[in-house]
Amino acid sequence: MSNLTSFISEAFDDHLQFLSVEAEVEGVIYNALPSEAEIAPNLDIGGVSDEADGAIIIKKSSILITPKVGTRIRVDGKDYRIRSIVESVGNPLVVIEYSGATER
């Protein structure tokens, strides 16, 4: 693990002590940092709507089952659907963006 990766992991752990949300994906519970979603306009019936309601940040190493876009996610007791999963090489963190769940 590089120095930068170690620093990011340690900073993430430090922030979790002060600000965290509980997120459940496919029966697995994660402690995550809340984050702002990258809001992108989306053409929808009746006009333009935003893509995501929020986002969480979790450690890659804590992910037991890699979720898929569209999977249900429960964040602090509220149900949503995963809109996107953002990860990059060398970054020990993953951002999961979500939006309100629709009943099917």
C-alpha atoms as a PDB file:
ATOM      1  CA  MET A   1       0.000   0.000   0.000  1.00  0.00           C
ATOM      2  CA  SER A   2       1.432   3.390  -0.964  1.00  0.00           C
ATOM      3  CA  ASN A   3       1.803   6.280   1.451  1.00  0.00           C
ATOM      4  CA  LEU A   4      -1.043   8.148  -0.233  1.00  0.00           C
ATOM      5  CA  THR A   5      -3.343   5.118  -0.088  1.00  0.00           C
ATOM      6  CA  SER A   6      -2.506   4.634   3.586  1.00  0.00           C
ATOM      7  CA  PHE A   7      -3.175   8.304   4.282  1.00  0.00           C
ATOM      8  CA  ILE A   8      -6.572   8.153   2.549  1.00  0.00           C
ATOM      9  CA  SER A   9      -7.549   4.985   4.451  1.00  0.00           C
ATOM     10  CA  GLU A  10      -6.516   6.485   7.791  1.00  0.00           C
ATOM     11  CA  ALA A  11      -8.347   9.749   7.078  1.00  0.00           C
ATOM     12  CA  PHE A  12     -11.475   7.783   6.147  1.00  0.00           C
ATOM     13  CA  ASP A  13     -11.326   5.827   9.425  1.00  0.00           C
ATOM     14  CA  ASP A  14     -10.826   9.051  11.410  1.00  0.00           C
ATOM     15  CA  HIS A  15     -13.838  10.714   9.761  1.00  0.00           C
ATOM     16  CA  LEU A  16     -16.040   7.669  10.433  1.00  0.00           C
ATOM     17  CA  GLN A  17     -15.653   8.311  14.160  1.00  0.00           C
ATOM     18  CA  PHE A  18     -17.360  11.698  13.807  1.00  0.00           C
ATOM     19  CA  LEU A  19     -19.747  11.340  10.890  1.00  0.00           C
ATOM     20  CA  SER A  20     -21.131   8.103   9.549  1.00  0.00           C
ATOM     21  CA  VAL A  21     -24.264   6.522   8.142  1.00  0.00           C
ATOM     22  CA  GLU A  22     -25.332   2.911   8.119  1.00  0.00           C
ATOM     23  CA  ALA A  23     -25.799   1.466   4.649  1.00  0.00           C
ATOM     24  CA  GLU A  24     -27.157  -1.983   3.834  1.00  0.00           C
ATOM     25  CA  VAL A  25     -26.616  -3.590   0.446  1.00  0.00           C
ATOM     26  CA  GLU A  26     -27.787  -7.156  -0.217  1.00  0.00           C
ATOM     27  CA  GLY A  27     -27.904  -7.938   3.509  1.00  0.00           C
ATOM     28  CA  VAL A  28     -24.416  -6.583   4.243  1.00  0.00           C
ATOM     29  CA  ILE A  29     -24.181  -3.568   6.566  1.00  0.00           C
ATOM     30  CA  TYR A  30     -21.463  -0.969   6.037  1.00  0.00           C
ATOM     31  CA  ASN A  31     -20.428   2.087   8.042  1.00  0.00           C
ATOM     32  CA  ALA A  32     -20.015   4.795   5.437  1.00  0.00           C
ATOM     33  CA  LEU A  33     -19.358   8.489   5.097  1.00  0.00           C
ATOM     34  CA  PRO A  34     -22.208  10.536   3.648  1.00  0.00           C
ATOM     35  CA  SER A  35     -21.292  12.458   0.531  1.00  0.00           C
ATOM     36  CA  GLU A  36     -22.822  14.768  -2.030  1.00  0.00           C
ATOM     37  CA  ALA A  37     -23.805  13.096  -5.270  1.00  0.00           C
ATOM     38  CA  GLU A  38     -22.634  14.538  -8.536  1.00  0.00           C
ATOM     39  CA  ILE A  39     -25.907  15.982  -9.737  1.00  0.00           C
ATOM     40  CA  ALA A  40     -26.466  15.658 -13.461  1.00  0.00           C
ATOM     41  CA  PRO A  41     -29.677  16.696 -15.174  1.00  0.00           C
ATOM     42  CA  ASN A  42     -31.678  13.844 -16.672  1.00  0.00           C
ATOM     43  CA  LEU A  43     -34.497  14.191 -19.185  1.00  0.00           C
ATOM     44  CA  ASP A  44     -37.601  12.695 -17.601  1.00  0.00           C
ATOM     45  CA  ILE A  45     -41.344  12.706 -18.229  1.00  0.00           C
ATOM     46  CA  GLY A  46     -42.494  16.227 -17.449  1.00  0.00           C
ATOM     47  CA  GLY A  47     -39.071  17.855 -17.707  1.00  0.00           C
ATOM     48  CA  VAL A  48     -35.608  17.530 -16.277  1.00  0.00           C
ATOM     49  CA  SER A  49     -34.821  15.748 -12.999  1.00  0.00           C
ATOM     50  CA  ASP A  50     -31.647  15.173 -11.030  1.00  0.00           C
ATOM     51  CA  GLU A  51     -29.925  11.810 -11.273  1.00  0.00           C
ATOM     52  CA  ALA A  52     -29.033  11.079  -7.645  1.00  0.00           C
ATOM     53  CA  ASP A  53     -30.367  11.944  -4.194  1.00  0.00           C
ATOM     54  CA  GLY A  54     -27.141  11.281  -2.307  1.00  0.00           C
ATOM     55  CA  ALA A  55     -23.973   9.265  -2.064  1.00  0.00           C
ATOM     56  CA  ILE A  56     -21.923   7.280   0.409  1.00  0.00           C
ATOM     57  CA  ILE A  57     -18.217   6.516   0.567  1.00  0.00           C
ATOM     58  CA  ILE A  58     -16.973   3.115   1.740  1.00  0.00           C
ATOM     59  CA  LYS A  59     -13.660   1.272   1.714  1.00  0.00           C
ATOM     60  CA  LYS A  60     -13.087  -1.088  -1.216  1.00  0.00           C
ATOM     61  CA  SER A  61     -11.610  -3.631   1.158  1.00  0.00           C
ATOM     62  CA  SER A  62     -14.854  -3.803   3.164  1.00  0.00           C
ATOM     63  CA  ILE A  63     -17.033  -4.700   0.169  1.00  0.00           C
ATOM     64  CA  LEU A  64     -17.963  -8.363   0.448  1.00  0.00           C
ATOM     65  CA  ILE A  65     -20.318  -8.491  -2.544  1.00  0.00           C
ATOM     66  CA  THR A  66     -19.833  -6.011  -5.378  1.00  0.00           C
ATOM     67  CA  PRO A  67     -23.237  -4.365  -5.845  1.00  0.00           C
ATOM     68  CA  LYS A  68     -24.760  -3.693  -9.246  1.00  0.00           C
ATOM     69  CA  VAL A  69     -26.425  -0.509 -10.459  1.00  0.00           C
ATOM     70  CA  GLY A  70     -30.150  -0.784  -9.750  1.00  0.00           C
ATOM     71  CA  THR A  71     -29.665  -2.815  -6.563  1.00  0.00           C
ATOM     72  CA  ARG A  72     -31.605  -1.660  -3.520  1.00  0.00           C
ATOM     73  CA  ILE A  73     -29.610   0.138  -0.848  1.00  0.00           C
ATOM     74  CA  ARG A  74     -30.859   1.192   2.577  1.00  0.00           C
ATOM     75  CA  VAL A  75     -29.177   4.306   3.982  1.00  0.00           C
ATOM     76  CA  ASP A  76     -30.047   5.257   7.554  1.00  0.00           C
ATOM     77  CA  GLY A  77     -33.321   3.342   7.344  1.00  0.00           C
ATOM     78  CA  LYS A  78     -34.491   4.723   3.988  1.00  0.00           C
ATOM     79  CA  ASP A  79     -34.661   2.648   0.806  1.00  0.00           C
ATOM     80  CA  TYR A  80     -33.033   3.781  -2.425  1.00  0.00           C
ATOM     81  CA  ARG A  81     -31.584   2.270  -5.600  1.00  0.00           C
ATOM     82  CA  ILE A  82     -27.939   2.454  -6.600  1.00  0.00           C
ATOM     83  CA  ARG A  83     -27.487   4.859  -9.529  1.00  0.00           C
ATOM     84  CA  SER A  84     -23.729   4.581  -9.981  1.00  0.00           C
ATOM     85  CA  ILE A  85     -20.611   3.100  -8.433  1.00  0.00           C
ATOM     86  CA  VAL A  86     -17.444   5.151  -8.804  1.00  0.00           C
ATOM     87  CA  GLU A  87     -14.067   3.590  -8.149  1.00  0.00           C
ATOM     88  CA  SER A  88     -10.601   4.182  -9.511  1.00  0.00           C
ATOM     89  CA  VAL A  89      -7.305   2.353  -9.557  1.00  0.00           C
ATOM     90  CA  GLY A  90      -5.169   3.228  -6.548  1.00  0.00           C
ATOM     91  CA  ASN A  91      -8.038   4.756  -4.584  1.00  0.00           C
ATOM     92  CA  PRO A  92      -8.991   2.622  -1.567  1.00  0.00           C
ATOM     93  CA  LEU A  93     -12.474   4.189  -1.460  1.00  0.00           C
ATOM     94  CA  VAL A  94     -15.651   3.639  -3.487  1.00  0.00           C
ATOM     95  CA  VAL A  95     -18.469   6.152  -3.978  1.00  0.00           C
ATOM     96  CA  ILE A  96     -21.977   4.763  -4.348  1.00  0.00           C
ATOM     97  CA  GLU A  97     -24.568   7.239  -5.617  1.00  0.00           C
ATOM     98  CA  TYR A  98     -28.241   6.483  -5.007  1.00  0.00           C
ATOM     99  CA  SER A  99     -31.705   7.806  -5.717  1.00  0.00           C
ATOM    100  CA  GLY A 100     -35.223   7.162  -4.426  1.00  0.00           C
ATOM    101  CA  ALA A 101     -36.477   3.606  -4.921  1.00  0.00           C
ATOM    102  CA  THR A 102     -39.379   2.963  -7.234  1.00  0.00           C
ATOM    103  CA  GLU A 103     -41.822   0.165  -6.560  1.00  0.00           C
ATOM    104  CA  ARG A 104     -42.060  -2.498  -9.239  1.00  0.00           C
END
